[in-house]
Amino acid sequence: MASFNISIELRGEDDAAADYRRLRSKMSEHGFRHSVSDKAGTQFRLPRDEYTWSGYATRHEVLDKVYLILVEFIPDPGVMVTEAAGRAWRGLKEIDLS
């Protein structure tokens, strides 16, 4: 199973805040996460336009899936998918799960 990082740029829309809320909702519905977890299971929120996904697919299949989600409500999105061999981060906000 492969892990992917997905970067998204929403362009050409007037209400960016509403678009990003809609983006989070749509991506979540399709199994994309807006967080990462460390070895202890602590979850950290990713930057606004970053997502992760793990599954049995190629980079191009993930790219196509994300693009089809986005063009439902954004006319000209930018998308980049990177297959992750590992992740490291610093300064991300911890998600309070309590």
C-alpha atoms as a PDB file:
ATOM      1  CA  MET A   1       0.000   0.000   0.000  1.00  0.00           C
ATOM      2  CA  ALA A   2       1.320   3.440  -0.922  1.00  0.00           C
ATOM      3  CA  SER A   3       0.983   6.774   0.874  1.00  0.00           C
ATOM      4  CA  PHE A   4       0.488  10.042  -0.971  1.00  0.00           C
ATOM      5  CA  ASN A   5       0.691  13.750  -0.194  1.00  0.00           C
ATOM      6  CA  ILE A   6      -1.749  15.916  -2.124  1.00  0.00           C
ATOM      7  CA  SER A   7      -1.299  19.674  -2.572  1.00  0.00           C
ATOM      8  CA  ILE A   8      -4.202  21.705  -3.902  1.00  0.00           C
ATOM      9  CA  GLU A   9      -4.461  25.272  -5.105  1.00  0.00           C
ATOM     10  CA  LEU A  10      -7.936  26.746  -5.532  1.00  0.00           C
ATOM     11  CA  ARG A  11      -7.911  29.534  -8.099  1.00  0.00           C
ATOM     12  CA  GLY A  12     -10.377  31.979  -9.556  1.00  0.00           C
ATOM     13  CA  GLU A  13     -12.977  31.953  -6.797  1.00  0.00           C
ATOM     14  CA  ASP A  14     -14.175  34.932  -4.732  1.00  0.00           C
ATOM     15  CA  ASP A  15     -15.014  33.177  -1.449  1.00  0.00           C
ATOM     16  CA  ALA A  16     -11.834  31.234  -0.673  1.00  0.00           C
ATOM     17  CA  ALA A  17     -12.856  30.426   2.931  1.00  0.00           C
ATOM     18  CA  ALA A  18     -16.105  28.775   1.816  1.00  0.00           C
ATOM     19  CA  ASP A  19     -14.287  26.936  -0.968  1.00  0.00           C
ATOM     20  CA  TYR A  20     -11.707  25.532   1.440  1.00  0.00           C
ATOM     21  CA  ARG A  21     -14.482  24.373   3.804  1.00  0.00           C
ATOM     22  CA  ARG A  22     -16.210  22.650   0.898  1.00  0.00           C
ATOM     23  CA  LEU A  23     -12.857  21.191  -0.168  1.00  0.00           C
ATOM     24  CA  ARG A  24     -12.242  19.658   3.280  1.00  0.00           C
ATOM     25  CA  SER A  25     -15.721  18.157   3.316  1.00  0.00           C
ATOM     26  CA  LYS A  26     -15.467  16.674  -0.189  1.00  0.00           C
ATOM     27  CA  MET A  27     -11.968  15.304   0.361  1.00  0.00           C
ATOM     28  CA  SER A  28     -13.024  13.709   3.650  1.00  0.00           C
ATOM     29  CA  GLU A  29     -16.027  12.067   1.955  1.00  0.00           C
ATOM     30  CA  HIS A  30     -13.575  10.390  -0.429  1.00  0.00           C
ATOM     31  CA  GLY A  31     -11.143   9.150   2.240  1.00  0.00           C
ATOM     32  CA  PHE A  32      -8.526  11.902   2.087  1.00  0.00           C
ATOM     33  CA  ARG A  33      -7.156  13.119   5.424  1.00  0.00           C
ATOM     34  CA  HIS A  34      -6.250  16.653   6.460  1.00  0.00           C
ATOM     35  CA  SER A  35      -3.908  15.391   9.177  1.00  0.00           C
ATOM     36  CA  VAL A  36      -0.875  13.214   9.871  1.00  0.00           C
ATOM     37  CA  SER A  37      -0.174  10.978  12.859  1.00  0.00           C
ATOM     38  CA  ASP A  38       3.088  10.308  14.635  1.00  0.00           C
ATOM     39  CA  LYS A  39       4.207   6.896  15.931  1.00  0.00           C
ATOM     40  CA  ALA A  40       2.422   7.510  19.244  1.00  0.00           C
ATOM     41  CA  GLY A  41      -0.866   8.149  17.410  1.00  0.00           C
ATOM     42  CA  THR A  42      -0.950  11.895  18.031  1.00  0.00           C
ATOM     43  CA  GLN A  43      -2.641  13.649  15.116  1.00  0.00           C
ATOM     44  CA  PHE A  44      -1.493  16.941  13.637  1.00  0.00           C
ATOM     45  CA  ARG A  45      -3.437  19.227  11.280  1.00  0.00           C
ATOM     46  CA  LEU A  46      -1.873  19.798   7.866  1.00  0.00           C
ATOM     47  CA  PRO A  47      -1.605  23.209   6.204  1.00  0.00           C
ATOM     48  CA  ARG A  48      -4.825  24.457   4.600  1.00  0.00           C
ATOM     49  CA  ASP A  49      -4.381  22.934   1.158  1.00  0.00           C
ATOM     50  CA  GLU A  50      -2.554  19.689   2.026  1.00  0.00           C
ATOM     51  CA  TYR A  51      -4.043  16.194   2.291  1.00  0.00           C
ATOM     52  CA  THR A  52      -2.862  12.626   2.676  1.00  0.00           C
ATOM     53  CA  TRP A  53      -4.209   9.345   1.363  1.00  0.00           C
ATOM     54  CA  SER A  54      -3.052   5.745   1.620  1.00  0.00           C
ATOM     55  CA  GLY A  55      -4.249   2.931  -0.587  1.00  0.00           C
ATOM     56  CA  TYR A  56      -3.624   0.752  -3.586  1.00  0.00           C
ATOM     57  CA  ALA A  57      -3.333   3.216  -6.451  1.00  0.00           C
ATOM     58  CA  THR A  58      -0.761   4.960  -8.601  1.00  0.00           C
ATOM     59  CA  ARG A  59       0.101   8.649  -8.373  1.00  0.00           C
ATOM     60  CA  HIS A  60      -1.824   9.254 -11.592  1.00  0.00           C
ATOM     61  CA  GLU A  61      -4.915   7.426 -10.319  1.00  0.00           C
ATOM     62  CA  VAL A  62      -4.889   9.526  -7.131  1.00  0.00           C
ATOM     63  CA  LEU A  63      -4.368  12.680  -9.204  1.00  0.00           C
ATOM     64  CA  ASP A  64      -7.329  11.831 -11.433  1.00  0.00           C
ATOM     65  CA  LYS A  65      -9.544  11.081  -8.420  1.00  0.00           C
ATOM     66  CA  VAL A  66      -8.686  14.369  -6.692  1.00  0.00           C
ATOM     67  CA  TYR A  67      -9.072  16.402  -9.872  1.00  0.00           C
ATOM     68  CA  LEU A  68     -12.547  14.974 -10.512  1.00  0.00           C
ATOM     69  CA  ILE A  69     -13.575  15.908  -6.959  1.00  0.00           C
ATOM     70  CA  LEU A  70     -12.313  19.467  -7.375  1.00  0.00           C
ATOM     71  CA  VAL A  71     -13.768  20.303 -10.767  1.00  0.00           C
ATOM     72  CA  GLU A  72     -17.238  19.693  -9.327  1.00  0.00           C
ATOM     73  CA  PHE A  73     -16.993  23.108  -7.637  1.00  0.00           C
ATOM     74  CA  ILE A  74     -13.731  24.793  -8.719  1.00  0.00           C
ATOM     75  CA  PRO A  75     -13.256  25.579 -12.417  1.00  0.00           C
ATOM     76  CA  ASP A  76      -9.436  25.674 -12.556  1.00  0.00           C
ATOM     77  CA  PRO A  77      -7.789  23.872  -9.608  1.00  0.00           C
ATOM     78  CA  GLY A  78      -4.086  23.107  -9.336  1.00  0.00           C
ATOM     79  CA  VAL A  79      -3.212  19.657  -7.949  1.00  0.00           C
ATOM     80  CA  MET A  80       0.086  17.928  -7.193  1.00  0.00           C
ATOM     81  CA  VAL A  81       0.339  14.346  -5.907  1.00  0.00           C
ATOM     82  CA  THR A  82       3.564  13.014  -4.422  1.00  0.00           C
ATOM     83  CA  GLU A  83       4.111   9.419  -3.376  1.00  0.00           C
ATOM     84  CA  ALA A  84       5.532   9.506   0.141  1.00  0.00           C
ATOM     85  CA  ALA A  85       8.418   7.297   1.251  1.00  0.00           C
ATOM     86  CA  GLY A  86       8.155   8.873   4.699  1.00  0.00           C
ATOM     87  CA  ARG A  87       7.103  12.098   6.342  1.00  0.00           C
ATOM     88  CA  ALA A  88       8.688  14.556   8.735  1.00  0.00           C
ATOM     89  CA  TRP A  89       7.142  17.737  10.111  1.00  0.00           C
ATOM     90  CA  ARG A  90       7.620  20.460  12.668  1.00  0.00           C
ATOM     91  CA  GLY A  91       5.308  23.143  14.002  1.00  0.00           C
ATOM     92  CA  LEU A  92       1.999  21.587  12.964  1.00  0.00           C
ATOM     93  CA  LYS A  93      -0.870  22.120  15.376  1.00  0.00           C
ATOM     94  CA  GLU A  94      -1.866  19.053  17.385  1.00  0.00           C
ATOM     95  CA  ILE A  95      -5.486  17.983  17.037  1.00  0.00           C
ATOM     96  CA  ASP A  96      -7.272  17.706  20.383  1.00  0.00           C
ATOM     97  CA  LEU A  97      -9.188  14.421  20.227  1.00  0.00           C
ATOM     98  CA  SER A  98     -10.646  14.646  23.732  1.00  0.00           C
END
